[in-house]
């Protein structure tokens, strides 16, 4: 029928980043609804982790922190963020490889 068009509708352009206003947003944060570019999201995420660690006094200056890493996305992000924040926190990191024992998961 003539009512249904076979032409695809043009995609809506991504909104501007709510933080830098220079780049296009790459994602929208679920809780706040804030649209951020990749760089601003990383900056905001690291700032939130830093605030949480400092406010909770989770890592005392001078501490040696063991970070368990399986190679999955969660532990990789944790290791990366802590590596970025370690100088500001005054801690040193040690990466510990963890094998979850899931058959075929780490076999290559």
PDB file of N, CA and C in Angstrom:
ATOM      1  N   UNK A   1       0.825  -1.187   0.000  1.00  0.00           N
ATOM      2  CA  UNK A   1       0.000   0.000   0.000  1.00  0.00           C
ATOM      3  C   UNK A   1       0.866   1.245   0.000  1.00  0.00           C
ATOM      4  N   UNK A   2       0.260   2.347  -0.356  1.00  0.00           N
ATOM      5  CA  UNK A   2       0.979   3.617  -0.408  1.00  0.00           C
ATOM      6  C   UNK A   2       1.292   4.162   0.980  1.00  0.00           C
ATOM      7  N   UNK A   3       0.578   3.694   2.006  1.00  0.00           N
ATOM      8  CA  UNK A   3       0.794   4.212   3.359  1.00  0.00           C
ATOM      9  C   UNK A   3       2.120   3.758   3.951  1.00  0.00           C
ATOM     10  N   UNK A   4       2.572   2.587   3.566  1.00  0.00           N
ATOM     11  CA  UNK A   4       3.835   2.068   4.093  1.00  0.00           C
ATOM     12  C   UNK A   4       4.944   2.361   3.107  1.00  0.00           C
ATOM     13  N   UNK A   5       5.885   3.136   3.500  1.00  0.00           N
ATOM     14  CA  UNK A   5       6.982   3.523   2.625  1.00  0.00           C
ATOM     15  C   UNK A   5       8.127   2.535   2.781  1.00  0.00           C
ATOM     16  N   UNK A   6       8.713   2.142   1.679  1.00  0.00           N
ATOM     17  CA  UNK A   6       9.860   1.242   1.719  1.00  0.00           C
ATOM     18  C   UNK A   6      11.154   1.996   1.990  1.00  0.00           C
ATOM     19  N   UNK A   7      11.088   3.322   1.914  1.00  0.00           N
ATOM     20  CA  UNK A   7      12.296   4.111   2.150  1.00  0.00           C
ATOM     21  C   UNK A   7      12.621   4.158   3.638  1.00  0.00           C
ATOM     22  N   UNK A   8      13.864   3.884   4.002  1.00  0.00           N
ATOM     23  CA  UNK A   8      14.226   3.986   5.417  1.00  0.00           C
ATOM     24  C   UNK A   8      14.197   5.443   5.873  1.00  0.00           C
ATOM     25  N   UNK A   9      13.786   5.644   7.082  1.00  0.00           N
ATOM     26  CA  UNK A   9      13.757   6.984   7.659  1.00  0.00           C
ATOM     27  C   UNK A   9      15.176   7.395   8.031  1.00  0.00           C
ATOM     28  N   UNK A  10      15.534   8.657   7.851  1.00  0.00           N
ATOM     29  CA  UNK A  10      16.884   9.095   8.232  1.00  0.00           C
ATOM     30  C   UNK A  10      17.060   8.975   9.745  1.00  0.00           C
ATOM     31  N   UNK A  11      18.247   8.554  10.138  1.00  0.00           N
ATOM     32  CA  UNK A  11      18.548   8.404  11.563  1.00  0.00           C
ATOM     33  C   UNK A  11      18.671   9.776  12.211  1.00  0.00           C
ATOM     34  N   UNK A  12      18.229   9.843  13.443  1.00  0.00           N
ATOM     35  CA  UNK A  12      18.385  11.084  14.203  1.00  0.00           C
ATOM     36  C   UNK A  12      19.865  11.251  14.525  1.00  0.00           C
ATOM     37  N   UNK A  13      20.414  12.434  14.332  1.00  0.00           N
ATOM     38  CA  UNK A  13      21.824  12.624  14.676  1.00  0.00           C
ATOM     39  C   UNK A  13      22.013  12.512  16.187  1.00  0.00           C
ATOM     40  N   UNK A  14      23.178  12.017  16.580  1.00  0.00           N
ATOM     41  CA  UNK A  14      23.486  11.896  18.003  1.00  0.00           C
ATOM     42  C   UNK A  14      23.526  13.290  18.622  1.00  0.00           C
ATOM     43  N   UNK A  15      23.033  13.415  19.850  1.00  0.00           N
ATOM     44  CA  UNK A  15      23.072  14.728  20.501  1.00  0.00           C
ATOM     45  C   UNK A  15      24.502  15.141  20.841  1.00  0.00           C
ATOM     46  N   UNK A  16      24.677  16.413  21.097  1.00  0.00           N
ATOM     47  CA  UNK A  16      25.982  16.918  21.553  1.00  0.00           C
ATOM     48  C   UNK A  16      26.275  16.363  22.939  1.00  0.00           C
ATOM     49  N   UNK A  17      27.544  16.223  23.256  1.00  0.00           N
ATOM     50  CA  UNK A  17      27.972  15.815  24.591  1.00  0.00           C
ATOM     51  C   UNK A  17      27.530  16.891  25.582  1.00  0.00           C
ATOM     52  N   UNK A  18      26.894  16.471  26.667  1.00  0.00           N
ATOM     53  CA  UNK A  18      26.398  17.413  27.677  1.00  0.00           C
ATOM     54  C   UNK A  18      27.524  18.017  28.502  1.00  0.00           C
ATOM     55  N   UNK A  19      28.728  17.454  28.404  1.00  0.00           N
ATOM     56  CA  UNK A  19      29.847  17.959  29.201  1.00  0.00           C
ATOM     57  C   UNK A  19      30.734  18.912  28.403  1.00  0.00           C
ATOM     58  N   UNK A  20      31.288  18.438  27.280  1.00  0.00           N
ATOM     59  CA  UNK A  20      32.223  19.275  26.517  1.00  0.00           C
ATOM     60  C   UNK A  20      31.524  20.108  25.439  1.00  0.00           C
ATOM     61  N   UNK A  21      30.346  19.708  25.024  1.00  0.00           N
ATOM     62  CA  UNK A  21      29.564  20.399  23.990  1.00  0.00           C
ATOM     63  C   UNK A  21      30.299  20.498  22.649  1.00  0.00           C
ATOM     64  N   UNK A  22      31.402  19.783  22.509  1.00  0.00           N
ATOM     65  CA  UNK A  22      32.175  19.843  21.270  1.00  0.00           C
ATOM     66  C   UNK A  22      32.006  18.582  20.431  1.00  0.00           C
ATOM     67  N   UNK A  23      31.818  17.457  21.088  1.00  0.00           N
ATOM     68  CA  UNK A  23      31.738  16.179  20.391  1.00  0.00           C
ATOM     69  C   UNK A  23      30.305  15.652  20.416  1.00  0.00           C
ATOM     70  N   UNK A  24      30.044  14.724  19.551  1.00  0.00           N
ATOM     71  CA  UNK A  24      28.754  14.040  19.549  1.00  0.00           C
ATOM     72  C   UNK A  24      28.737  13.024  20.689  1.00  0.00           C
ATOM     73  N   UNK A  25      27.601  12.863  21.313  1.00  0.00           N
ATOM     74  CA  UNK A  25      27.458  11.898  22.394  1.00  0.00           C
ATOM     75  C   UNK A  25      27.583  10.483  21.839  1.00  0.00           C
ATOM     76  N   UNK A  26      28.274   9.634  22.584  1.00  0.00           N
ATOM     77  CA  UNK A  26      28.432   8.237  22.203  1.00  0.00           C
ATOM     78  C   UNK A  26      27.484   7.347  22.999  1.00  0.00           C
ATOM     79  N   UNK A  27      27.012   7.856  24.137  1.00  0.00           N
ATOM     80  CA  UNK A  27      26.138   7.072  25.002  1.00  0.00           C
ATOM     81  C   UNK A  27      25.308   7.985  25.884  1.00  0.00           C
ATOM     82  N   UNK A  28      24.276   7.401  26.460  1.00  0.00           N
ATOM     83  CA  UNK A  28      23.429   8.116  27.415  1.00  0.00           C
ATOM     84  C   UNK A  28      23.492   7.334  28.720  1.00  0.00           C
ATOM     85  N   UNK A  29      23.855   8.028  29.810  1.00  0.00           N
ATOM     86  CA  UNK A  29      23.963   7.373  31.113  1.00  0.00           C
ATOM     87  C   UNK A  29      22.567   7.015  31.614  1.00  0.00           C
ATOM     88  N   UNK A  30      22.371   5.759  32.023  1.00  0.00           N
ATOM     89  CA  UNK A  30      21.029   5.302  32.392  1.00  0.00           C
ATOM     90  C   UNK A  30      20.399   6.060  33.565  1.00  0.00           C
ATOM     91  N   UNK A  31      21.144   6.305  34.612  1.00  0.00           N
ATOM     92  CA  UNK A  31      20.553   6.943  35.799  1.00  0.00           C
ATOM     93  C   UNK A  31      20.280   8.426  35.597  1.00  0.00           C
ATOM     94  N   UNK A  32      21.238   9.130  35.030  1.00  0.00           N
ATOM     95  CA  UNK A  32      21.090  10.584  34.894  1.00  0.00           C
ATOM     96  C   UNK A  32      20.457  10.995  33.566  1.00  0.00           C
ATOM     97  N   UNK A  33      20.532  10.109  32.570  1.00  0.00           N
ATOM     98  CA  UNK A  33      20.052  10.455  31.241  1.00  0.00           C
ATOM     99  C   UNK A  33      21.006  11.357  30.485  1.00  0.00           C
ATOM    100  N   UNK A  34      22.167  11.647  31.081  1.00  0.00           N
ATOM    101  CA  UNK A  34      23.147  12.554  30.492  1.00  0.00           C
ATOM    102  C   UNK A  34      23.799  11.905  29.270  1.00  0.00           C
ATOM    103  N   UNK A  35      23.829  12.625  28.160  1.00  0.00           N
ATOM    104  CA  UNK A  35      24.469  12.161  26.933  1.00  0.00           C
ATOM    105  C   UNK A  35      25.919  12.635  26.938  1.00  0.00           C
ATOM    106  N   UNK A  36      26.860  11.691  26.805  1.00  0.00           N
ATOM    107  CA  UNK A  36      28.285  12.026  26.866  1.00  0.00           C
ATOM    108  C   UNK A  36      29.046  11.406  25.706  1.00  0.00           C
ATOM    109  N   UNK A  37      30.111  12.092  25.289  1.00  0.00           N
ATOM    110  CA  UNK A  37      31.040  11.503  24.323  1.00  0.00           C
ATOM    111  C   UNK A  37      31.908  10.497  25.089  1.00  0.00           C
ATOM    112  N   UNK A  38      32.663   9.698  24.378  1.00  0.00           N
ATOM    113  CA  UNK A  38      33.486   8.683  25.017  1.00  0.00           C
ATOM    114  C   UNK A  38      34.496   9.252  25.992  1.00  0.00           C
ATOM    115  N   UNK A  39      35.175  10.324  25.601  1.00  0.00           N
ATOM    116  CA  UNK A  39      36.204  10.914  26.462  1.00  0.00           C
ATOM    117  C   UNK A  39      35.598  11.481  27.742  1.00  0.00           C
ATOM    118  N   UNK A  40      34.474  12.167  27.632  1.00  0.00           N
ATOM    119  CA  UNK A  40      33.843  12.752  28.823  1.00  0.00           C
ATOM    120  C   UNK A  40      33.261  11.673  29.725  1.00  0.00           C
ATOM    121  N   UNK A  41      32.758  10.576  29.132  1.00  0.00           N
ATOM    122  CA  UNK A  41      32.270   9.474  29.956  1.00  0.00           C
ATOM    123  C   UNK A  41      33.414   8.893  30.780  1.00  0.00           C
ATOM    124  N   UNK A  42      34.563   8.653  30.142  1.00  0.00           N
ATOM    125  CA  UNK A  42      35.710   8.094  30.870  1.00  0.00           C
ATOM    126  C   UNK A  42      36.145   9.022  31.996  1.00  0.00           C
ATOM    127  N   UNK A  43      36.201  10.315  31.726  1.00  0.00           N
ATOM    128  CA  UNK A  43      36.579  11.292  32.748  1.00  0.00           C
ATOM    129  C   UNK A  43      35.586  11.273  33.907  1.00  0.00           C
ATOM    130  N   UNK A  44      34.293  11.262  33.605  1.00  0.00           N
ATOM    131  CA  UNK A  44      33.259  11.251  34.647  1.00  0.00           C
ATOM    132  C   UNK A  44      33.302   9.960  35.448  1.00  0.00           C
ATOM    133  N   UNK A  45      33.492   8.841  34.773  1.00  0.00           N
ATOM    134  CA  UNK A  45      33.540   7.541  35.448  1.00  0.00           C
ATOM    135  C   UNK A  45      34.732   7.479  36.397  1.00  0.00           C
ATOM    136  N   UNK A  46      35.905   7.912  35.918  1.00  0.00           N
ATOM    137  CA  UNK A  46      37.093   7.912  36.775  1.00  0.00           C
ATOM    138  C   UNK A  46      36.905   8.840  37.970  1.00  0.00           C
ATOM    139  N   UNK A  47      36.274   9.989  37.771  1.00  0.00           N
ATOM    140  CA  UNK A  47      36.020  10.924  38.875  1.00  0.00           C
ATOM    141  C   UNK A  47      35.086  10.302  39.909  1.00  0.00           C
ATOM    142  N   UNK A  48      34.086   9.561  39.453  1.00  0.00           N
ATOM    143  CA  UNK A  48      33.162   8.906  40.376  1.00  0.00           C
ATOM    144  C   UNK A  48      33.859   7.811  41.174  1.00  0.00           C
ATOM    145  N   UNK A  49      34.721   7.039  40.515  1.00  0.00           N
ATOM    146  CA  UNK A  49      35.473   6.001  41.226  1.00  0.00           C
ATOM    147  C   UNK A  49      36.404   6.652  42.246  1.00  0.00           C
ATOM    148  N   UNK A  50      37.106   7.717  41.844  1.00  0.00           N
ATOM    149  CA  UNK A  50      38.000   8.423  42.760  1.00  0.00           C
ATOM    150  C   UNK A  50      37.227   8.934  43.972  1.00  0.00           C
ATOM    151  N   UNK A  51      36.081   9.561  43.749  1.00  0.00           N
ATOM    152  CA  UNK A  51      35.261  10.073  44.849  1.00  0.00           C
ATOM    153  C   UNK A  51      34.839   8.940  45.788  1.00  0.00           C
ATOM    154  N   UNK A  52      34.406   7.815  45.233  1.00  0.00           N
ATOM    155  CA  UNK A  52      33.965   6.679  46.045  1.00  0.00           C
ATOM    156  C   UNK A  52      35.101   6.140  46.901  1.00  0.00           C
ATOM    157  N   UNK A  53      36.278   5.988  46.304  1.00  0.00           N
ATOM    158  CA  UNK A  53      37.432   5.460  47.042  1.00  0.00           C
ATOM    159  C   UNK A  53      37.845   6.421  48.151  1.00  0.00           C
ATOM    160  N   UNK A  54      37.907   7.718  47.842  1.00  0.00           N
ATOM    161  CA  UNK A  54      38.321   8.698  48.847  1.00  0.00           C
ATOM    162  C   UNK A  54      37.267   8.862  49.939  1.00  0.00           C
ATOM    163  N   UNK A  55      36.001   8.981  49.569  1.00  0.00           N
ATOM    164  CA  UNK A  55      34.931   9.184  50.555  1.00  0.00           C
ATOM    165  C   UNK A  55      34.803   7.991  51.495  1.00  0.00           C
ATOM    166  N   UNK A  56      35.013   6.795  50.953  1.00  0.00           N
ATOM    167  CA  UNK A  56      34.913   5.591  51.771  1.00  0.00           C
ATOM    168  C   UNK A  56      36.211   5.186  52.439  1.00  0.00           C
ATOM    169  N   UNK A  57      37.269   5.970  52.163  1.00  0.00           N
ATOM    170  CA  UNK A  57      38.604   5.642  52.697  1.00  0.00           C
ATOM    171  C   UNK A  57      38.948   4.168  52.441  1.00  0.00           C
ATOM    172  N   UNK A  58      38.733   3.768  51.192  1.00  0.00           N
ATOM    173  CA  UNK A  58      38.889   2.367  50.817  1.00  0.00           C
ATOM    174  C   UNK A  58      40.334   1.949  50.600  1.00  0.00           C
ATOM    175  N   UNK A  59      41.173   2.870  50.117  1.00  0.00           N
ATOM    176  CA  UNK A  59      42.569   2.544  49.827  1.00  0.00           C
ATOM    177  C   UNK A  59      43.462   3.579  50.492  1.00  0.00           C
ATOM    178  N   UNK A  60      44.073   3.238  51.621  1.00  0.00           N
ATOM    179  CA  UNK A  60      44.924   4.220  52.298  1.00  0.00           C
ATOM    180  C   UNK A  60      46.182   4.519  51.486  1.00  0.00           C
ATOM    181  N   UNK A  61      46.655   5.766  51.502  1.00  0.00           N
ATOM    182  CA  UNK A  61      47.900   6.098  50.797  1.00  0.00           C
ATOM    183  C   UNK A  61      49.029   5.174  51.248  1.00  0.00           C
ATOM    184  N   UNK A  62      49.824   4.749  50.285  1.00  0.00           N
ATOM    185  CA  UNK A  62      50.924   3.835  50.568  1.00  0.00           C
ATOM    186  C   UNK A  62      50.542   2.374  50.462  1.00  0.00           C
ATOM    187  N   UNK A  63      49.270   2.087  50.278  1.00  0.00           N
ATOM    188  CA  UNK A  63      48.813   0.695  50.193  1.00  0.00           C
ATOM    189  C   UNK A  63      49.294   0.048  48.901  1.00  0.00           C
ATOM    190  N   UNK A  64      49.520  -1.249  48.986  1.00  0.00           N
ATOM    191  CA  UNK A  64      49.771  -2.064  47.805  1.00  0.00           C
ATOM    192  C   UNK A  64      48.468  -2.815  47.554  1.00  0.00           C
ATOM    193  N   UNK A  65      47.883  -2.598  46.389  1.00  0.00           N
ATOM    194  CA  UNK A  65      46.555  -3.123  46.083  1.00  0.00           C
ATOM    195  C   UNK A  65      46.671  -4.244  45.060  1.00  0.00           C
ATOM    196  N   UNK A  66      46.155  -5.429  45.410  1.00  0.00           N
ATOM    197  CA  UNK A  66      46.098  -6.551  44.475  1.00  0.00           C
ATOM    198  C   UNK A  66      44.787  -6.453  43.702  1.00  0.00           C
ATOM    199  N   UNK A  67      44.886  -6.452  42.392  1.00  0.00           N
ATOM    200  CA  UNK A  67      43.702  -6.370  41.531  1.00  0.00           C
ATOM    201  C   UNK A  67      43.564  -7.706  40.813  1.00  0.00           C
ATOM    202  N   UNK A  68      42.482  -8.427  41.124  1.00  0.00           N
ATOM    203  CA  UNK A  68      42.225  -9.699  40.458  1.00  0.00           C
ATOM    204  C   UNK A  68      41.724  -9.457  39.048  1.00  0.00           C
ATOM    205  N   UNK A  69      42.332 -10.118  38.086  1.00  0.00           N
ATOM    206  CA  UNK A  69      41.961  -9.909  36.684  1.00  0.00           C
ATOM    207  C   UNK A  69      41.760 -11.243  35.989  1.00  0.00           C
ATOM    208  N   UNK A  70      40.573 -11.412  35.417  1.00  0.00           N
ATOM    209  CA  UNK A  70      40.270 -12.632  34.675  1.00  0.00           C
ATOM    210  C   UNK A  70      40.512 -12.445  33.184  1.00  0.00           C
ATOM    211  N   UNK A  71      40.615 -11.196  32.755  1.00  0.00           N
ATOM    212  CA  UNK A  71      40.732 -10.902  31.333  1.00  0.00           C
ATOM    213  C   UNK A  71      39.404 -10.502  30.720  1.00  0.00           C
ATOM    214  N   UNK A  72      38.336 -10.583  31.508  1.00  0.00           N
ATOM    215  CA  UNK A  72      37.023 -10.144  31.041  1.00  0.00           C
ATOM    216  C   UNK A  72      36.916  -8.630  31.096  1.00  0.00           C
ATOM    217  N   UNK A  73      35.806  -8.108  30.587  1.00  0.00           N
ATOM    218  CA  UNK A  73      35.660  -6.649  30.501  1.00  0.00           C
ATOM    219  C   UNK A  73      35.590  -5.988  31.866  1.00  0.00           C
ATOM    220  N   UNK A  74      34.932  -6.611  32.843  1.00  0.00           N
ATOM    221  CA  UNK A  74      34.791  -5.980  34.159  1.00  0.00           C
ATOM    222  C   UNK A  74      36.131  -5.816  34.860  1.00  0.00           C
ATOM    223  N   UNK A  75      36.898  -6.900  34.935  1.00  0.00           N
ATOM    224  CA  UNK A  75      38.183  -6.798  35.632  1.00  0.00           C
ATOM    225  C   UNK A  75      39.183  -5.967  34.838  1.00  0.00           C
ATOM    226  N   UNK A  76      39.066  -5.959  33.517  1.00  0.00           N
ATOM    227  CA  UNK A  76      39.957  -5.136  32.699  1.00  0.00           C
ATOM    228  C   UNK A  76      39.688  -3.653  32.937  1.00  0.00           C
ATOM    229  N   UNK A  77      38.410  -3.266  33.005  1.00  0.00           N
ATOM    230  CA  UNK A  77      38.065  -1.865  33.284  1.00  0.00           C
ATOM    231  C   UNK A  77      38.523  -1.484  34.681  1.00  0.00           C
ATOM    232  N   UNK A  78      38.291  -2.352  35.672  1.00  0.00           N
ATOM    233  CA  UNK A  78      38.732  -2.071  37.036  1.00  0.00           C
ATOM    234  C   UNK A  78      40.240  -1.853  37.080  1.00  0.00           C
ATOM    235  N   UNK A  79      41.011  -2.742  36.465  1.00  0.00           N
ATOM    236  CA  UNK A  79      42.470  -2.605  36.465  1.00  0.00           C
ATOM    237  C   UNK A  79      42.896  -1.308  35.778  1.00  0.00           C
ATOM    238  N   UNK A  80      42.270  -0.975  34.657  1.00  0.00           N
ATOM    239  CA  UNK A  80      42.621   0.245  33.925  1.00  0.00           C
ATOM    240  C   UNK A  80      42.331   1.496  34.754  1.00  0.00           C
ATOM    241  N   UNK A  81      41.134   1.568  35.337  1.00  0.00           N
ATOM    242  CA  UNK A  81      40.759   2.755  36.113  1.00  0.00           C
ATOM    243  C   UNK A  81      41.659   2.897  37.332  1.00  0.00           C
ATOM    244  N   UNK A  82      41.925   1.810  38.029  1.00  0.00           N
ATOM    245  CA  UNK A  82      42.812   1.901  39.196  1.00  0.00           C
ATOM    246  C   UNK A  82      44.229   2.295  38.791  1.00  0.00           C
ATOM    247  N   UNK A  83      44.684   1.836  37.630  1.00  0.00           N
ATOM    248  CA  UNK A  83      46.014   2.247  37.153  1.00  0.00           C
ATOM    249  C   UNK A  83      46.044   3.747  36.887  1.00  0.00           C
ATOM    250  N   UNK A  84      44.969   4.275  36.307  1.00  0.00           N
ATOM    251  CA  UNK A  84      44.892   5.716  36.053  1.00  0.00           C
ATOM    252  C   UNK A  84      44.852   6.518  37.350  1.00  0.00           C
ATOM    253  N   UNK A  85      44.176   5.999  38.366  1.00  0.00           N
ATOM    254  CA  UNK A  85      43.981   6.731  39.618  1.00  0.00           C
ATOM    255  C   UNK A  85      45.074   6.489  40.653  1.00  0.00           C
ATOM    256  N   UNK A  86      45.880   5.454  40.483  1.00  0.00           N
ATOM    257  CA  UNK A  86      46.888   5.085  41.483  1.00  0.00           C
ATOM    258  C   UNK A  86      47.797   6.244  41.892  1.00  0.00           C
ATOM    259  N   UNK A  87      48.318   7.061  40.968  1.00  0.00           N
ATOM    260  CA  UNK A  87      49.173   8.176  41.400  1.00  0.00           C
ATOM    261  C   UNK A  87      48.441   9.175  42.296  1.00  0.00           C
ATOM    262  N   UNK A  88      47.188   9.462  41.981  1.00  0.00           N
ATOM    263  CA  UNK A  88      46.415  10.403  42.807  1.00  0.00           C
ATOM    264  C   UNK A  88      46.032   9.801  44.151  1.00  0.00           C
ATOM    265  N   UNK A  89      45.883   8.491  44.190  1.00  0.00           N
ATOM    266  CA  UNK A  89      45.525   7.823  45.441  1.00  0.00           C
ATOM    267  C   UNK A  89      46.748   7.503  46.289  1.00  0.00           C
ATOM    268  N   UNK A  90      47.929   7.543  45.671  1.00  0.00           N
ATOM    269  CA  UNK A  90      49.151   7.222  46.397  1.00  0.00           C
ATOM    270  C   UNK A  90      49.288   5.743  46.700  1.00  0.00           C
ATOM    271  N   UNK A  91      48.773   4.902  45.803  1.00  0.00           N
ATOM    272  CA  UNK A  91      48.860   3.454  45.996  1.00  0.00           C
ATOM    273  C   UNK A  91      49.645   2.834  44.846  1.00  0.00           C
ATOM    274  N   UNK A  92      50.117   1.623  45.066  1.00  0.00           N
ATOM    275  CA  UNK A  92      50.730   0.872  43.972  1.00  0.00           C
ATOM    276  C   UNK A  92      49.889  -0.379  43.742  1.00  0.00           C
ATOM    277  N   UNK A  93      49.889  -0.845  42.516  1.00  0.00           N
ATOM    278  CA  UNK A  93      49.029  -1.962  42.124  1.00  0.00           C
ATOM    279  C   UNK A  93      49.833  -3.197  41.777  1.00  0.00           C
ATOM    280  N   UNK A  94      49.236  -4.336  42.040  1.00  0.00           N
ATOM    281  CA  UNK A  94      49.756  -5.628  41.609  1.00  0.00           C
ATOM    282  C   UNK A  94      48.598  -6.351  40.936  1.00  0.00           C
ATOM    283  N   UNK A  95      48.809  -6.788  39.718  1.00  0.00           N
ATOM    284  CA  UNK A  95      47.775  -7.487  38.971  1.00  0.00           C
ATOM    285  C   UNK A  95      47.895  -8.982  39.248  1.00  0.00           C
ATOM    286  N   UNK A  96      46.793  -9.604  39.611  1.00  0.00           N
ATOM    287  CA  UNK A  96      46.759 -11.032  39.918  1.00  0.00           C
ATOM    288  C   UNK A  96      45.840 -11.704  38.905  1.00  0.00           C
ATOM    289  N   UNK A  97      46.379 -12.659  38.142  1.00  0.00           N
ATOM    290  CA  UNK A  97      45.565 -13.371  37.155  1.00  0.00           C
ATOM    291  C   UNK A  97      44.676 -14.380  37.866  1.00  0.00           C
ATOM    292  N   UNK A  98      43.399 -14.390  37.479  1.00  0.00           N
ATOM    293  CA  UNK A  98      42.419 -15.278  38.098  1.00  0.00           C
ATOM    294  C   UNK A  98      41.842 -16.189  37.020  1.00  0.00           C
ATOM    295  N   UNK A  99      41.896 -17.502  37.275  1.00  0.00           N
ATOM    296  CA  UNK A  99      41.266 -18.473  36.386  1.00  0.00           C
ATOM    297  C   UNK A  99      39.996 -18.945  37.081  1.00  0.00           C
ATOM    298  N   UNK A 100      38.843 -18.622  36.517  1.00  0.00           N
ATOM    299  CA  UNK A 100      37.565 -18.948  37.139  1.00  0.00           C
ATOM    300  C   UNK A 100      37.237 -20.430  37.092  1.00  0.00           C
ATOM    301  N   UNK A 101      37.993 -21.197  36.335  1.00  0.00           N
ATOM    302  CA  UNK A 101      37.739 -22.626  36.230  1.00  0.00           C
ATOM    303  C   UNK A 101      36.611 -22.979  35.279  1.00  0.00           C
ATOM    304  N   UNK A 102      36.239 -22.059  34.413  1.00  0.00           N
ATOM    305  CA  UNK A 102      35.174 -22.317  33.448  1.00  0.00           C
ATOM    306  C   UNK A 102      35.805 -22.944  32.211  1.00  0.00           C
ATOM    307  N   UNK A 103      35.461 -24.187  31.930  1.00  0.00           N
ATOM    308  CA  UNK A 103      36.032 -24.909  30.806  1.00  0.00           C
ATOM    309  C   UNK A 103      35.823 -24.196  29.484  1.00  0.00           C
ATOM    310  N   UNK A 104      36.893 -24.029  28.702  1.00  0.00           N
ATOM    311  CA  UNK A 104      36.820 -23.396  27.397  1.00  0.00           C
ATOM    312  C   UNK A 104      36.815 -21.887  27.421  1.00  0.00           C
ATOM    313  N   UNK A 105      36.680 -21.288  28.616  1.00  0.00           N
ATOM    314  CA  UNK A 105      36.600 -19.836  28.712  1.00  0.00           C
ATOM    315  C   UNK A 105      37.941 -19.185  28.445  1.00  0.00           C
ATOM    316  N   UNK A 106      39.005 -19.750  29.003  1.00  0.00           N
ATOM    317  CA  UNK A 106      40.331 -19.161  28.848  1.00  0.00           C
ATOM    318  C   UNK A 106      41.232 -19.994  27.947  1.00  0.00           C
ATOM    319  N   UNK A 107      40.759 -21.130  27.506  1.00  0.00           N
ATOM    320  CA  UNK A 107      41.567 -21.997  26.651  1.00  0.00           C
ATOM    321  C   UNK A 107      41.717 -21.363  25.275  1.00  0.00           C
ATOM    322  N   UNK A 108      42.938 -21.365  24.783  1.00  0.00           N
ATOM    323  CA  UNK A 108      43.141 -20.804  23.447  1.00  0.00           C
ATOM    324  C   UNK A 108      44.094 -21.654  22.655  1.00  0.00           C
TER     325      UNK A 108
END
